[in-house]
């Protein structure tokens, strides 16, 4: 199975965690996955200009942080 870049980055991050934290994160991901299969998302609403500005600012900040961080 070939992983995407995002999946590979997530695996690197999880491997850097202490064992108990990685186990809790894995359990959380499994719970979220089980909830997602039972839920539907209503995409009919639209984003406000403020939502788009907040999202753009957070995305830019995340990109800067990712570029500054090195694994482990």
N, C-alpha and C. Protein backbone atom coordinates (compact mmCIF):
# COMPACT_ATOMS: atom_id res chain seq x y z
N UNK A 1 0.85 -1.18 0.00
CA UNK A 1 0.00 0.00 0.00
C UNK A 1 0.89 1.24 0.00
N UNK A 2 0.63 2.13 -0.92
CA UNK A 2 1.42 3.35 -1.02
C UNK A 2 0.74 4.47 -0.22
N UNK A 3 1.55 5.18 0.57
CA UNK A 3 1.03 6.25 1.42
C UNK A 3 1.18 7.59 0.74
N UNK A 4 0.26 8.50 1.05
CA UNK A 4 0.38 9.87 0.57
C UNK A 4 1.42 10.59 1.43
N UNK A 5 1.82 11.78 1.00
CA UNK A 5 2.77 12.57 1.79
C UNK A 5 2.18 12.93 3.15
N UNK A 6 0.89 13.22 3.18
CA UNK A 6 0.23 13.56 4.45
C UNK A 6 0.22 12.36 5.38
N UNK A 7 -0.06 11.18 4.85
CA UNK A 7 -0.06 9.97 5.67
C UNK A 7 1.34 9.67 6.21
N UNK A 8 2.35 9.85 5.38
CA UNK A 8 3.72 9.63 5.82
C UNK A 8 4.10 10.62 6.92
N UNK A 9 3.71 11.88 6.76
CA UNK A 9 4.01 12.89 7.77
C UNK A 9 3.31 12.55 9.09
N UNK A 10 2.09 12.07 9.00
CA UNK A 10 1.36 11.68 10.20
C UNK A 10 2.04 10.51 10.90
N UNK A 11 2.49 9.54 10.15
CA UNK A 11 3.20 8.41 10.75
C UNK A 11 4.48 8.85 11.44
N UNK A 12 5.21 9.76 10.83
CA UNK A 12 6.44 10.28 11.45
C UNK A 12 6.10 10.96 12.77
N UNK A 13 5.05 11.76 12.76
CA UNK A 13 4.65 12.49 13.97
C UNK A 13 4.22 11.52 15.07
N UNK A 14 3.46 10.51 14.73
CA UNK A 14 2.99 9.53 15.73
C UNK A 14 4.18 8.75 16.28
N UNK A 15 5.12 8.40 15.44
CA UNK A 15 6.29 7.65 15.90
C UNK A 15 7.15 8.45 16.86
N UNK A 16 7.06 9.79 16.80
CA UNK A 16 7.83 10.64 17.70
C UNK A 16 7.18 10.75 19.08
N UNK A 17 5.93 10.34 19.19
CA UNK A 17 5.21 10.44 20.46
C UNK A 17 5.64 9.33 21.42
N UNK A 18 5.50 9.57 22.72
CA UNK A 18 5.67 8.47 23.68
C UNK A 18 4.62 7.39 23.40
N UNK A 19 4.92 6.17 23.75
CA UNK A 19 4.07 5.03 23.42
C UNK A 19 2.63 5.22 23.90
N UNK A 20 2.44 5.70 25.14
CA UNK A 20 1.07 5.85 25.65
C UNK A 20 0.31 6.94 24.89
N UNK A 21 0.97 8.01 24.51
CA UNK A 21 0.33 9.08 23.74
C UNK A 21 -0.03 8.58 22.34
N UNK A 22 0.85 7.81 21.73
CA UNK A 22 0.57 7.26 20.41
C UNK A 22 -0.62 6.30 20.47
N UNK A 23 -0.71 5.51 21.53
CA UNK A 23 -1.83 4.59 21.70
C UNK A 23 -3.15 5.35 21.87
N UNK A 24 -3.11 6.44 22.65
CA UNK A 24 -4.33 7.24 22.85
C UNK A 24 -4.75 7.91 21.53
N UNK A 25 -3.78 8.40 20.79
CA UNK A 25 -4.08 9.04 19.51
C UNK A 25 -4.67 8.03 18.52
N UNK A 26 -4.11 6.84 18.50
CA UNK A 26 -4.63 5.80 17.62
C UNK A 26 -6.06 5.43 18.00
N UNK A 27 -6.33 5.30 19.30
CA UNK A 27 -7.69 4.99 19.76
C UNK A 27 -8.66 6.10 19.36
N UNK A 28 -8.23 7.35 19.50
CA UNK A 28 -9.08 8.47 19.11
C UNK A 28 -9.38 8.42 17.61
N UNK A 29 -8.37 8.16 16.81
CA UNK A 29 -8.57 8.09 15.35
C UNK A 29 -9.55 6.98 14.99
N UNK A 30 -9.45 5.85 15.69
CA UNK A 30 -10.38 4.75 15.43
C UNK A 30 -11.80 5.12 15.81
N UNK A 31 -11.97 5.81 16.95
CA UNK A 31 -13.31 6.25 17.36
C UNK A 31 -13.89 7.24 16.36
N UNK A 32 -13.06 8.19 15.92
CA UNK A 32 -13.53 9.17 14.94
C UNK A 32 -13.91 8.50 13.62
N UNK A 33 -13.13 7.52 13.21
CA UNK A 33 -13.43 6.80 11.97
C UNK A 33 -14.77 6.06 12.08
N UNK A 34 -15.03 5.48 13.24
CA UNK A 34 -16.30 4.77 13.40
C UNK A 34 -17.47 5.75 13.42
N UNK A 35 -17.28 6.94 14.00
CA UNK A 35 -18.34 7.95 13.99
C UNK A 35 -18.57 8.48 12.58
N UNK A 36 -17.52 8.65 11.84
CA UNK A 36 -17.63 9.21 10.49
C UNK A 36 -18.45 8.30 9.58
N UNK A 37 -18.34 7.02 9.78
CA UNK A 37 -19.09 6.10 8.92
C UNK A 37 -20.58 6.14 9.23
N UNK A 38 -20.95 6.68 10.38
CA UNK A 38 -22.36 6.74 10.77
C UNK A 38 -22.95 8.13 10.54
N UNK A 39 -22.15 9.07 10.08
CA UNK A 39 -22.59 10.45 9.96
C UNK A 39 -22.56 10.92 8.51
N UNK A 40 -23.39 11.91 8.26
CA UNK A 40 -23.33 12.57 6.97
C UNK A 40 -23.03 14.04 7.21
N UNK A 41 -22.39 14.65 6.27
CA UNK A 41 -22.02 16.05 6.38
C UNK A 41 -22.94 16.86 5.48
N UNK A 42 -23.52 17.90 6.06
CA UNK A 42 -24.37 18.80 5.28
C UNK A 42 -23.48 19.91 4.72
N UNK A 43 -23.20 19.84 3.43
CA UNK A 43 -22.32 20.80 2.78
C UNK A 43 -23.08 21.98 2.21
N UNK A 44 -24.37 22.08 2.50
CA UNK A 44 -25.18 23.11 1.86
C UNK A 44 -24.89 24.52 2.38
N UNK A 45 -24.36 24.63 3.58
CA UNK A 45 -24.08 25.97 4.09
C UNK A 45 -22.81 26.52 3.44
N UNK A 46 -22.69 27.80 3.42
CA UNK A 46 -21.51 28.41 2.80
C UNK A 46 -20.71 29.15 3.87
N UNK A 47 -19.45 29.40 3.55
CA UNK A 47 -18.55 30.08 4.47
C UNK A 47 -18.71 31.58 4.34
N UNK A 48 -18.67 32.25 5.45
CA UNK A 48 -18.71 33.72 5.43
C UNK A 48 -17.32 34.24 5.06
N UNK A 49 -17.26 35.52 4.76
CA UNK A 49 -15.96 36.14 4.47
C UNK A 49 -15.02 36.01 5.67
N UNK A 50 -15.57 36.15 6.88
CA UNK A 50 -14.75 36.01 8.10
C UNK A 50 -14.21 34.59 8.22
N UNK A 51 -15.06 33.60 7.91
CA UNK A 51 -14.61 32.20 7.94
C UNK A 51 -13.45 31.99 6.98
N UNK A 52 -13.59 32.51 5.77
CA UNK A 52 -12.54 32.35 4.76
C UNK A 52 -11.25 33.04 5.17
N UNK A 53 -11.36 34.23 5.78
CA UNK A 53 -10.15 34.93 6.25
C UNK A 53 -9.47 34.12 7.37
N UNK A 54 -10.28 33.63 8.32
CA UNK A 54 -9.73 32.84 9.43
C UNK A 54 -9.05 31.58 8.91
N UNK A 55 -9.70 30.90 7.97
CA UNK A 55 -9.15 29.68 7.41
C UNK A 55 -7.84 29.97 6.67
N UNK A 56 -7.84 31.03 5.88
CA UNK A 56 -6.63 31.39 5.14
C UNK A 56 -5.47 31.73 6.08
N UNK A 57 -5.77 32.48 7.14
CA UNK A 57 -4.73 32.84 8.10
C UNK A 57 -4.20 31.61 8.82
N UNK A 58 -5.09 30.73 9.24
CA UNK A 58 -4.67 29.51 9.94
C UNK A 58 -3.86 28.61 9.01
N UNK A 59 -4.26 28.52 7.75
CA UNK A 59 -3.53 27.70 6.77
C UNK A 59 -2.12 28.23 6.56
N UNK A 60 -2.01 29.54 6.42
CA UNK A 60 -0.69 30.14 6.22
C UNK A 60 0.19 29.93 7.45
N UNK A 61 -0.38 30.08 8.63
CA UNK A 61 0.38 29.87 9.87
C UNK A 61 0.84 28.42 9.98
N UNK A 62 -0.04 27.49 9.62
CA UNK A 62 0.31 26.07 9.68
C UNK A 62 1.44 25.75 8.70
N UNK A 63 1.38 26.32 7.52
CA UNK A 63 2.43 26.10 6.53
C UNK A 63 3.77 26.60 7.04
N UNK A 64 3.79 27.78 7.62
CA UNK A 64 5.03 28.33 8.17
C UNK A 64 5.56 27.42 9.27
N UNK A 65 4.67 26.94 10.14
CA UNK A 65 5.07 26.07 11.25
C UNK A 65 5.63 24.74 10.73
N UNK A 66 4.95 24.16 9.74
CA UNK A 66 5.41 22.88 9.16
C UNK A 66 6.79 23.03 8.54
N UNK A 67 7.03 24.15 7.90
CA UNK A 67 8.33 24.36 7.27
C UNK A 67 9.41 24.59 8.32
N UNK A 68 9.03 25.11 9.48
CA UNK A 68 10.01 25.36 10.54
C UNK A 68 10.32 24.10 11.34
N UNK A 69 9.35 23.20 11.42
CA UNK A 69 9.52 21.98 12.23
C UNK A 69 10.29 20.91 11.47
N UNK A 70 11.06 20.18 12.22
CA UNK A 70 11.73 19.01 11.66
C UNK A 70 11.22 17.81 12.43
N UNK A 71 11.12 16.64 11.79
CA UNK A 71 10.66 15.44 12.53
C UNK A 71 11.58 15.15 13.72
N UNK A 72 10.94 14.87 14.81
CA UNK A 72 11.63 14.53 16.07
C UNK A 72 12.65 15.59 16.36
